Amino acid sequence: MAYLPPHRRHSSSTEPPSPPTSSLQSLSISSNPRGRHHLRPSNNKIIHAAGCVSRWSPLPPFPPGSDDAESSRLVPFPCDPIERKTGAKPLVLAPSSPKISPGSTEAAVAAIVDRFFPDLLAAAERATATAHDAPPTEDEEVKLSLLARVGKVLFQPGPSGGPVSLDSVRDAAKAGAEGSKSQVRKSFYTNLPGKCVDEIGQYIGKLTDLEFDSSKEHYHVKVFDKQRSDSTMSCKCTVQEDGKLAIHKVELNQIRQLVEDISCLFNDLDLRLMLSTKRILKNIDPEVEDAIKSLVSSAIVDPDAKGGLRWAFGNESIGERFSIVGVWHTSYKAFRNKTLRLKLRCADRFDHRSSTGEISNEVTFKLTGISKRLQDGNQEVDTLKGMLESAVQMIWDTVLTYKI
């Protein structure tokens, strides 16, 4: 599991790079446009904005008019959380032969940006227009956030339980706006090997202009309020000298505006680009504020507990209205430049409702420069596209080429 800096990497193919690809075939899922938000089942906590597009794209795309087996294959991917739940390994898309040319990095970056950028502008405009037409309440601050994450695109059987095949994956890619009806279930798994994250942290300063910013530890206490049934409050906390938690800020579930998942067939890691709106609570109602402070202050920091926190019996709820539904313990290192912030995070998550949890190592790029311009309504196309190309190029060169 060696990390190779870009100047030491060599292609395993002697064939010339394939020409740039101008677009990616994709699975596109549009949320219900009739409501402001489209809510998935309550246990999922993922909220999609009205008009949100969530799609999947293979890179390189399926060759038109050819047999999928000539270029791609589905292979099992070890993933303990999914295997424990379903009893089977999920599948990932991979090239059928190492002799197939992966194409050039420039072609890959151009294909990703050309596909994602127009929808990014449309999604940002839609999000700001929605906020204009139906501004948030006075206790809610809304910010646009563009992220890039690395991980693995996983496929599982859909609701019907039928097998996942290359034909079904190709059909899903062709489904377009009807992708939500596909019998293939897709997810993006962000847990990376710990050694991978450690080595990226060691090399990132040498390979880029990112400088070390900070190293922090937080606890996130997830509180459910029955009177706010469409969302969960997340209390971001730090530990005080007396061992008690202090609330730093309170957020509601983010609302996804655009999600692009890309299976990078010739890389060990895949890419997710996502635009969402963050919702930070301000001037919280006194009854709600008292409740969350009481729940947080009664938490006991315990390294042996899942999620790092536990409560004495009876202290996990207040009446029938407020209850603890989950906890996270996160520690991270952050690197940044003027337009981008990289977080290398270890997260210990535990869901109280399902009694399940996982410790994961994650790499997230926050494209802060683009986010701010979109938030301000500054859609200078050439500038924004250039910033996106630079960010994707750097992510590809420094992280997506990591060999596991």
Protein backbone atom coordinates (compact mmCIF):
# COMPACT_ATOMS: atom_id res chain seq x y z
CA MET A 1 0.00 0.00 0.00
CA ALA A 2 2.53 2.58 -1.13
CA TYR A 3 1.92 6.24 -1.84
CA LEU A 4 3.73 7.35 -4.99
CA PRO A 5 4.22 11.07 -5.60
CA PRO A 6 3.22 12.18 -9.13
CA HIS A 7 6.80 12.40 -10.44
CA ARG A 8 7.37 8.72 -9.55
CA ARG A 9 4.20 7.35 -11.16
CA HIS A 10 4.32 5.53 -14.47
CA SER A 11 1.49 4.30 -16.64
CA SER A 12 1.21 0.52 -17.04
CA SER A 13 0.01 0.99 -20.59
CA THR A 14 2.17 1.69 -23.61
CA GLU A 15 -0.81 2.74 -25.72
CA PRO A 16 -1.26 6.43 -26.51
CA PRO A 17 -3.74 8.36 -24.35
CA SER A 18 -7.29 8.31 -25.57
CA PRO A 19 -8.71 11.61 -26.82
CA PRO A 20 -10.48 13.86 -24.29
CA THR A 21 -14.03 12.88 -23.49
CA SER A 22 -16.49 15.73 -23.54
CA SER A 23 -19.22 14.11 -21.48
CA LEU A 24 -19.97 11.26 -19.11
CA GLN A 25 -22.88 8.86 -19.29
CA SER A 26 -24.75 9.06 -16.04
CA LEU A 27 -27.45 7.83 -13.75
CA SER A 28 -29.53 10.88 -12.90
CA ILE A 29 -32.08 11.07 -10.12
CA SER A 30 -34.23 14.19 -9.81
CA SER A 31 -36.00 14.79 -6.53
CA ASN A 32 -39.65 15.66 -6.30
CA PRO A 33 -39.95 19.25 -7.58
CA ARG A 34 -43.32 19.92 -5.99
CA GLY A 35 -42.11 20.49 -2.44
CA ARG A 36 -39.31 22.62 -1.06
CA HIS A 37 -37.49 19.56 0.24
CA HIS A 38 -37.76 15.89 -0.65
CA LEU A 39 -37.30 13.76 2.46
CA ARG A 40 -36.10 10.19 2.40
CA PRO A 41 -37.27 7.84 5.20
CA SER A 42 -36.75 9.33 8.66
CA ASN A 43 -33.94 6.92 9.57
CA ASN A 44 -31.90 8.13 6.59
CA LYS A 45 -31.64 11.83 7.54
CA ILE A 46 -30.56 12.80 4.01
CA ILE A 47 -32.50 15.72 2.58
CA HIS A 48 -32.57 16.58 -1.14
CA ALA A 49 -33.70 19.98 -2.34
CA ALA A 50 -36.53 20.23 -4.84
CA GLY A 51 -34.97 19.78 -8.28
CA CYS A 52 -31.79 18.18 -6.89
CA VAL A 53 -29.97 15.94 -9.37
CA SER A 54 -28.03 12.99 -7.98
CA ARG A 55 -26.24 10.90 -10.59
CA TRP A 56 -23.53 8.38 -11.20
CA SER A 57 -20.98 8.41 -14.03
CA PRO A 58 -18.37 5.83 -15.08
CA LEU A 59 -15.04 7.22 -16.25
CA PRO A 60 -14.21 6.32 -18.96
CA PRO A 61 -17.84 6.04 -20.10
CA PHE A 62 -19.32 2.82 -21.46
CA PRO A 63 -18.17 2.62 -25.11
CA PRO A 64 -21.18 3.20 -27.38
CA GLY A 65 -22.26 0.20 -29.44
CA SER A 66 -19.90 -2.30 -27.76
CA ASP A 67 -20.20 -5.18 -25.32
CA ASP A 68 -19.74 -3.97 -21.74
CA ALA A 69 -17.69 -7.08 -20.94
CA GLU A 70 -15.03 -5.85 -23.37
CA SER A 71 -14.29 -2.82 -21.19
CA SER A 72 -15.79 -3.28 -17.72
CA ARG A 73 -16.64 -5.86 -15.10
CA LEU A 74 -18.23 -5.94 -11.65
CA VAL A 75 -16.08 -7.22 -8.80
CA PRO A 76 -16.86 -7.76 -5.08
CA PHE A 77 -15.66 -5.08 -2.68
CA PRO A 78 -15.00 -5.90 1.02
CA CYS A 79 -17.19 -3.67 3.17
CA ASP A 80 -17.98 -4.98 6.65
CA PRO A 81 -20.95 -2.68 7.44
CA ILE A 82 -22.80 -3.69 4.27
CA GLU A 83 -21.80 -7.34 4.56
CA ARG A 84 -23.14 -7.50 8.14
CA LYS A 85 -26.40 -5.95 7.00
CA THR A 86 -26.98 -7.83 3.74
CA GLY A 87 -24.80 -10.92 4.05
CA ALA A 88 -23.02 -10.19 0.76
CA LYS A 89 -20.22 -7.99 -0.53
CA PRO A 90 -21.26 -4.97 -2.62
CA LEU A 91 -19.87 -4.62 -6.14
CA VAL A 92 -17.68 -2.01 -7.82
CA LEU A 93 -17.09 -1.30 -11.49
CA ALA A 94 -13.57 -2.11 -12.73
CA PRO A 95 -11.81 -2.37 -16.11
CA SER A 96 -12.00 -5.83 -17.66
CA SER A 97 -8.33 -5.80 -18.65
CA PRO A 98 -5.23 -3.86 -17.52
CA LYS A 99 -4.27 -3.56 -21.19
CA ILE A 100 -7.08 -1.10 -21.83
CA SER A 101 -5.78 2.47 -21.99
CA PRO A 102 -7.01 4.63 -19.10
CA GLY A 103 -6.54 7.81 -21.13
CA SER A 104 -4.78 10.93 -19.90
CA THR A 105 -5.31 12.82 -16.66
CA GLU A 106 -6.16 15.92 -18.67
CA ALA A 107 -8.95 14.04 -20.49
CA ALA A 108 -10.35 12.75 -17.19
CA VAL A 109 -10.35 16.18 -15.55
CA ALA A 110 -11.94 17.80 -18.61
CA ALA A 111 -14.67 15.13 -18.72
CA ILE A 112 -15.52 15.60 -15.04
CA VAL A 113 -15.62 19.40 -15.20
CA ASP A 114 -17.54 19.56 -18.50
CA ARG A 115 -20.22 17.28 -17.08
CA PHE A 116 -20.49 18.81 -13.60
CA PHE A 117 -19.97 22.54 -14.15
CA PRO A 118 -23.21 23.51 -15.99
CA ASP A 119 -25.30 21.69 -13.38
CA LEU A 120 -23.30 23.32 -10.59
CA LEU A 121 -24.23 26.79 -11.85
CA ALA A 122 -27.88 25.78 -12.26
CA ALA A 123 -28.04 24.18 -8.79
CA ALA A 124 -26.44 27.21 -7.11
CA GLU A 125 -28.82 29.57 -8.89
CA ARG A 126 -31.78 27.41 -7.88
CA ALA A 127 -30.61 27.28 -4.25
CA THR A 128 -30.11 31.04 -3.98
CA ALA A 129 -33.44 31.71 -5.71
CA THR A 130 -35.22 29.37 -3.30
CA ALA A 131 -33.63 31.15 -0.36
CA HIS A 132 -34.76 34.45 -1.88
CA ASP A 133 -38.34 33.34 -2.46
CA ALA A 134 -38.68 31.53 0.86
CA PRO A 135 -35.98 32.99 3.14
CA PRO A 136 -35.00 30.95 6.19
CA THR A 137 -36.44 31.85 9.55
CA GLU A 138 -34.61 34.46 11.58
CA ASP A 139 -32.93 31.74 13.65
CA GLU A 140 -31.38 29.94 10.67
CA GLU A 141 -28.24 30.93 8.71
CA VAL A 142 -27.88 29.20 5.33
CA LYS A 143 -24.58 28.79 3.45
CA LEU A 144 -23.70 27.08 0.17
CA SER A 145 -20.95 24.46 0.44
CA LEU A 146 -19.17 22.66 -2.40
CA LEU A 147 -17.30 19.51 -1.35
CA ALA A 148 -15.21 16.84 -3.01
CA ARG A 149 -14.87 13.45 -1.31
CA VAL A 150 -12.93 10.34 -2.23
CA GLY A 151 -14.08 6.80 -1.58
CA LYS A 152 -15.74 4.02 -3.52
CA VAL A 153 -18.99 3.83 -5.52
CA LEU A 154 -20.75 0.63 -4.43
CA PHE A 155 -23.60 -1.24 -6.15
CA GLN A 156 -26.15 -3.49 -4.46
CA PRO A 157 -29.42 -5.10 -5.53
CA GLY A 158 -32.36 -2.71 -5.48
CA PRO A 159 -35.73 -3.17 -3.76
CA SER A 160 -36.63 -6.15 -5.95
CA GLY A 161 -33.54 -8.04 -4.78
CA GLY A 162 -32.43 -9.05 -8.27
CA PRO A 163 -28.73 -9.53 -9.05
CA VAL A 164 -26.56 -6.61 -10.12
CA SER A 165 -25.23 -7.17 -13.64
CA LEU A 166 -23.35 -5.10 -16.20
CA ASP A 167 -26.60 -4.83 -18.15
CA SER A 168 -28.43 -3.46 -15.13
CA VAL A 169 -25.64 -0.97 -14.45
CA ARG A 170 -25.67 0.18 -18.08
CA ASP A 171 -29.46 0.46 -17.93
CA ALA A 172 -29.11 2.55 -14.80
CA ALA A 173 -26.66 4.83 -16.58
CA LYS A 174 -29.15 5.26 -19.42
CA ALA A 175 -32.08 5.87 -17.06
CA GLY A 176 -31.56 9.62 -16.88
CA ALA A 177 -34.30 11.36 -14.89
CA GLU A 178 -35.90 7.97 -14.29
CA GLY A 179 -32.81 6.73 -12.45
CA SER A 180 -34.68 6.62 -9.13
CA LYS A 181 -36.68 3.69 -10.53
CA SER A 182 -33.56 1.67 -11.24
CA GLN A 183 -33.24 -1.79 -9.70
CA VAL A 184 -29.60 -0.99 -8.84
CA ARG A 185 -28.87 0.64 -5.50
CA LYS A 186 -25.81 2.92 -5.44
CA SER A 187 -23.94 4.28 -2.43
CA PHE A 188 -20.70 6.19 -1.86
CA TYR A 189 -18.44 4.65 0.80
CA THR A 190 -15.95 7.14 2.26
CA ASN A 191 -14.02 4.97 4.74
CA LEU A 192 -10.40 4.70 3.59
CA PRO A 193 -7.50 2.66 4.99
CA GLY A 194 -5.92 4.53 7.89
CA LYS A 195 -2.48 4.25 6.28
CA CYS A 196 -3.84 5.94 3.16
CA VAL A 197 -5.03 8.98 5.13
CA ASP A 198 -1.79 9.15 7.16
CA GLU A 199 0.39 9.08 4.04
CA ILE A 200 -1.71 11.73 2.29
CA GLY A 201 -1.21 13.93 5.35
CA GLN A 202 2.56 13.41 5.17
CA TYR A 203 2.85 14.21 1.46
CA ILE A 204 0.16 16.84 0.85
CA GLY A 205 2.32 19.80 1.87
CA LYS A 206 5.12 18.67 -0.44
CA LEU A 207 2.87 18.11 -3.46
CA THR A 208 0.65 21.20 -3.25
CA ASP A 209 0.52 24.74 -1.91
CA LEU A 210 -1.72 23.60 0.96
CA GLU A 211 -0.36 24.56 4.36
CA PHE A 212 -1.19 23.02 7.72
CA ASP A 213 -4.08 24.91 9.31
CA SER A 214 -5.23 23.18 12.49
CA SER A 215 -5.76 19.92 14.35
CA LYS A 216 -9.02 19.62 16.32
CA GLU A 217 -11.28 17.21 18.16
CA HIS A 218 -15.07 17.51 18.41
CA TYR A 219 -18.07 15.62 19.69
CA HIS A 220 -21.32 15.86 17.74
CA VAL A 221 -24.50 15.17 19.71
CA LYS A 222 -27.51 14.44 17.48
CA VAL A 223 -30.78 15.58 19.07
CA PHE A 224 -34.26 14.85 17.71
CA ASP A 225 -37.10 17.25 18.43
CA LYS A 226 -40.55 15.80 17.77
CA GLN A 227 -41.79 19.27 16.88
CA ARG A 228 -39.13 19.46 14.11
CA SER A 229 -39.72 16.00 12.66
CA ASP A 230 -38.15 16.69 9.25
CA SER A 231 -34.62 17.25 10.59
CA THR A 232 -32.13 16.53 13.35
CA MET A 233 -30.15 19.06 15.38
CA SER A 234 -26.41 18.40 15.50
CA CYS A 235 -24.63 20.03 18.44
CA LYS A 236 -20.93 20.46 17.70
CA CYS A 237 -19.11 20.37 21.05
CA THR A 238 -15.68 20.64 22.61
CA VAL A 239 -14.49 19.28 25.96
CA GLN A 240 -13.90 21.82 28.73
CA GLU A 241 -11.30 21.60 31.49
CA ASP A 242 -13.86 20.09 33.87
CA GLY A 243 -14.52 17.25 31.40
CA LYS A 244 -17.97 18.55 30.43
CA LEU A 245 -19.03 19.35 26.88
CA ALA A 246 -19.56 22.90 25.67
CA ILE A 247 -21.68 23.61 22.58
CA HIS A 248 -19.78 25.37 19.81
CA LYS A 249 -22.67 25.59 17.29
CA VAL A 250 -25.91 23.85 16.37
CA GLU A 251 -26.73 22.80 12.81
CA LEU A 252 -29.67 21.15 11.05
CA ASN A 253 -29.30 18.47 8.36
CA GLN A 254 -27.63 19.79 5.24
CA ILE A 255 -29.79 19.98 2.12
CA ARG A 256 -28.21 18.45 -0.97
CA GLN A 257 -28.51 20.52 -4.13
CA LEU A 258 -26.36 18.45 -6.56
CA VAL A 259 -24.46 15.16 -6.23
CA GLU A 260 -22.09 13.70 -8.83
CA ASP A 261 -20.55 10.28 -8.13
CA ILE A 262 -17.83 9.11 -10.52
CA SER A 263 -16.44 5.57 -10.74
CA CYS A 264 -12.82 6.08 -11.79
CA LEU A 265 -12.25 2.67 -13.37
CA PHE A 266 -8.45 2.87 -13.54
CA ASN A 267 -8.02 4.28 -10.03
CA ASP A 268 -8.36 2.58 -6.67
CA LEU A 269 -10.51 5.47 -5.42
CA ASP A 270 -13.62 7.17 -6.80
CA LEU A 271 -14.81 10.78 -6.58
CA ARG A 272 -17.92 12.52 -5.28
CA LEU A 273 -18.65 16.21 -5.96
CA MET A 274 -21.53 17.66 -3.95
CA LEU A 275 -23.16 21.06 -3.55
CA SER A 276 -25.28 21.45 -0.43
CA THR A 277 -26.66 24.12 1.85
CA LYS A 278 -25.55 24.19 5.48
CA ARG A 279 -28.11 25.34 8.04
CA ILE A 280 -26.77 26.87 11.26
CA LEU A 281 -29.24 27.68 14.03
CA LYS A 282 -29.07 31.16 15.57
CA ASN A 283 -31.17 32.71 18.35
CA ILE A 284 -32.55 29.33 19.36
CA ASP A 285 -35.92 29.17 21.12
CA PRO A 286 -35.28 29.17 24.91
CA GLU A 287 -37.11 25.86 25.46
CA VAL A 288 -35.07 24.16 22.72
CA GLU A 289 -31.84 25.74 23.92
CA ASP A 290 -32.42 24.61 27.51
CA ALA A 291 -33.17 21.08 26.33
CA ILE A 292 -30.09 20.63 24.18
CA LYS A 293 -27.85 22.20 26.84
CA SER A 294 -29.26 19.78 29.41
CA LEU A 295 -28.74 16.76 27.14
CA VAL A 296 -25.21 17.82 26.20
CA SER A 297 -24.13 18.68 29.74
CA SER A 298 -25.28 15.27 31.01
CA ALA A 299 -23.11 13.43 28.46
CA ILE A 300 -20.20 11.44 29.89
CA VAL A 301 -17.01 11.34 27.82
CA ASP A 302 -16.00 7.68 27.61
CA PRO A 303 -13.33 6.47 25.14
CA ASP A 304 -14.72 2.94 25.43
CA ALA A 305 -18.26 3.95 24.45
CA LYS A 306 -19.35 3.86 20.82
CA GLY A 307 -19.23 7.42 19.52
CA GLY A 308 -17.14 8.41 22.55
CA LEU A 309 -20.10 9.45 24.72
CA ARG A 310 -22.60 7.78 27.02
CA TRP A 311 -25.47 8.87 29.27
CA ALA A 312 -26.67 7.65 32.63
CA PHE A 313 -29.92 5.71 32.43
CA GLY A 314 -32.85 8.06 31.80
CA ASN A 315 -30.70 11.04 30.75
CA GLU A 316 -30.86 10.38 26.99
CA SER A 317 -34.21 12.15 26.62
CA ILE A 318 -36.27 15.00 28.04
CA GLY A 319 -39.94 14.21 28.32
CA GLU A 320 -41.40 12.87 25.10
CA ARG A 321 -40.11 15.72 22.93
CA PHE A 322 -36.28 15.67 22.91
CA SER A 323 -34.02 12.62 22.61
CA ILE A 324 -30.46 11.65 21.69
CA VAL A 325 -30.46 9.78 18.37
CA GLY A 326 -26.73 9.61 17.64
CA VAL A 327 -23.22 10.71 18.58
CA TRP A 328 -19.98 11.31 16.68
CA HIS A 329 -16.45 11.68 17.96
CA THR A 330 -14.23 13.28 15.32
CA SER A 331 -10.59 14.28 15.19
CA TYR A 332 -9.02 15.85 12.15
CA LYS A 333 -6.11 17.68 10.60
CA ALA A 334 -6.85 20.52 8.21
CA PHE A 335 -4.72 22.02 5.43
CA ARG A 336 -5.66 25.04 3.37
CA ASN A 337 -4.82 27.66 0.77
CA LYS A 338 -6.81 30.70 -0.38
CA THR A 339 -9.48 28.71 -2.21
CA LEU A 340 -9.54 25.20 -0.75
CA ARG A 341 -9.49 23.37 2.58
CA LEU A 342 -8.54 19.71 3.04
CA LYS A 343 -9.73 17.74 6.09
CA LEU A 344 -8.25 14.36 7.03
CA ARG A 345 -10.75 13.08 9.57
CA CYS A 346 -11.25 10.04 11.77
CA ALA A 347 -14.91 9.74 12.78
CA ASP A 348 -16.37 7.32 15.34
CA ARG A 349 -20.14 7.36 14.67
CA PHE A 350 -22.93 5.61 16.57
CA ASP A 351 -26.65 5.66 15.73
CA HIS A 352 -28.77 5.18 18.86
CA ARG A 353 -31.87 4.27 16.87
CA SER A 354 -30.36 1.36 14.99
CA SER A 355 -27.62 0.56 17.57
CA THR A 356 -25.07 0.53 14.75
CA GLY A 357 -21.84 2.42 14.28
CA GLU A 358 -18.53 2.56 12.48
CA ILE A 359 -15.12 4.17 12.76
CA SER A 360 -14.07 5.67 9.43
CA ASN A 361 -11.09 7.55 8.01
CA GLU A 362 -12.14 10.22 5.52
CA VAL A 363 -10.64 12.70 3.07
CA THR A 364 -12.75 15.77 2.25
CA PHE A 365 -11.89 18.80 0.17
CA LYS A 366 -13.93 21.95 0.86
CA LEU A 367 -13.88 24.15 -2.23
CA THR A 368 -14.24 27.34 -0.20
CA GLY A 369 -13.34 29.78 -2.97
CA ILE A 370 -16.01 28.48 -5.34
CA SER A 371 -18.56 28.18 -2.51
CA LYS A 372 -18.13 31.83 -1.56
CA ARG A 373 -18.51 33.06 -5.13
CA LEU A 374 -21.65 30.98 -5.63
CA GLN A 375 -23.04 32.19 -2.29
CA ASP A 376 -22.45 35.81 -3.35
CA GLY A 377 -24.10 35.20 -6.73
CA ASN A 378 -20.79 35.74 -8.53
CA GLN A 379 -21.09 33.38 -11.50
CA GLU A 380 -18.19 34.52 -13.66
CA VAL A 381 -18.18 31.41 -15.81
CA ASP A 382 -14.56 31.38 -16.97
CA THR A 383 -13.18 32.11 -13.50
CA LEU A 384 -15.36 29.54 -11.74
CA LYS A 385 -14.66 26.86 -14.33
CA GLY A 386 -10.93 27.48 -14.06
CA MET A 387 -11.11 27.19 -10.26
CA LEU A 388 -13.03 23.91 -10.55
CA GLU A 389 -10.55 22.50 -13.08
CA SER A 390 -7.62 23.39 -10.81
CA ALA A 391 -9.30 21.77 -7.80
CA VAL A 392 -10.21 18.54 -9.63
CA GLN A 393 -6.71 18.36 -11.15
CA MET A 394 -5.10 18.66 -7.71
CA ILE A 395 -7.44 16.06 -6.18
CA TRP A 396 -6.72 13.67 -9.04
CA ASP A 397 -2.95 14.13 -8.85
CA THR A 398 -2.60 13.91 -5.07
CA VAL A 399 -5.35 11.59 -3.82
CA LEU A 400 -7.23 9.75 -6.58
CA THR A 401 -3.99 8.23 -7.84
CA TYR A 402 -3.26 6.64 -4.46
CA LYS A 403 -2.68 2.90 -4.90
CA ILE A 404 -4.28 0.71 -2.25
